[in-house]
Structures are given as C-alpha cells and as structure tokens.
Amino acid sequence: MPSPLINSPNQAKARLILAHGAGAGANHLVMQKLADALAAQKIEVVRFNFAYMQRQLTLGRKCFPDKMPLLLECMQQQIQQTTTDLPLFIGGKSLGGRVASLLTELPKQQGVDNQPKVLASFAFGYPFHPPKKQVWRTEHFACLQRPLYIFQGERDPFGTKQELADKAWQNVSIDWLPDGDHDFKPRKSSGYTQEQLIVLSAALCREKIDEILLAN
C-alpha cells in the first residue's frame, strides 16, 4: 500500500484519517484544500487512496469503486497502522465519509467495541442517497458506536437541507453549509465561495473535536 499523504501542523491536537470520494483520489484539489484547512485548525490529516483508486492512478483509466467490504478493510488497515500518540478520528469526503461511519457501526456481537481507537467519524458531504433517487444509505445510523458529524451543503443533491428537515438520528449531527453543493460550491449570488465553505467545515470539525477531547 502506498504511503499516505500527511498534513502535519505544529502542536497537532488530534489526527484525522481522511478518505476520498468515489470519483477522485486523495490528491484531488478539494481534498487538498480540505486537508490544508483542517491542518490550519491543528488537526493532522492522513489522506490515503482506496485500492481501486490506486489501480485507477496506476493504470490511467477509470476503475469503479470496490465493494463495501473491501473499502472497509482498506480503511481498517489505515487505522491499524496509525500510532496512538494523538487522539484518533476518521472521516472522508462523500463515499469516504460513509465508509468511516460504517466502521463505527455496532458489530454483530452486541457490546463489542470494534474500533477502540476511534473517537468519532466525520463526513464532508454525506451521500444520503443517489441524486434523484430515494434509496437511503442511513440504515446503520441507529447502530453507531461513535458520534457521526456531517457537514453538508444545503443544495447537495445527495441530501438537501429540505429533504432532511424531518429526519434525525440519535448519534448523528448535521451542520449545514450555506448554499453549498456536494463539493461545497455555492452559487455566486450566495455571497460565499467554495474556499470559505471548506474553511467553515474545517472549523466546525475542530469544534466537534474540541468538545470530544474536553469530555474525555
């Protein structure tokens, strides 16, 4: 497995393993900007490519995402390779955030902690459902062992603010980014920029991490 990309600020307060979305890898511009913004909040960011994305980069042609068990295994490997010198969180952009959340689901053996090192998961644009399809990807939300924090654009076609207005889950928190789409791009008329929303999501992430660290 290739070495991960690491943004390591001075005096980091926590470490976040950050996975990419379905169509773009760890070095995509949005992932780079997000990692930079998180590092500015004193969060060390470890970015990695899922195996299918690494194949895509090696072969120079599009590869479809692996099945979920392989994606979970790949992120699990990253967790196992991570040292314990900093509090550990996991998360990702879209697909990566979904994988991270599934890793903190209650296992079949009730009461067994399957991710003892992980304090919470984060999703930067959660894929609640495919665009224009009501096939929801939230079945596991009721079984999360750790908090899931979602930073979602209000216009995200994978789950808009309007669609989620009447939905709630005990261990899931959603912060809305004004006028953002799935890549946190707002319309020019909103008065916001994509960079501002990325920075806002990083600041919100740091706030959640601070709350968790204070409680522990």
Foldseek 3Di string as FASTA:
>chain_A
DDAWDKDAAPPAQAEEEEAEDFFDGCPPPLNVLLQVLLVVLRYMYTGDYQPQVVVCVVVVHHGGDDPLVSVLVRVVVVLVPDDLPHQYAYAYQAVRRLSRQVQQFQDPPGPDGRRVRHAEYEYEQYQQDPQPDPPGDCPRLQGGPHAYEYEHEQAASSDHCVNCVPDDGDRYHYDYQYQQYSSGAHDVVRVDGSSVSSSVVSVVVSVVVVVSVVVD
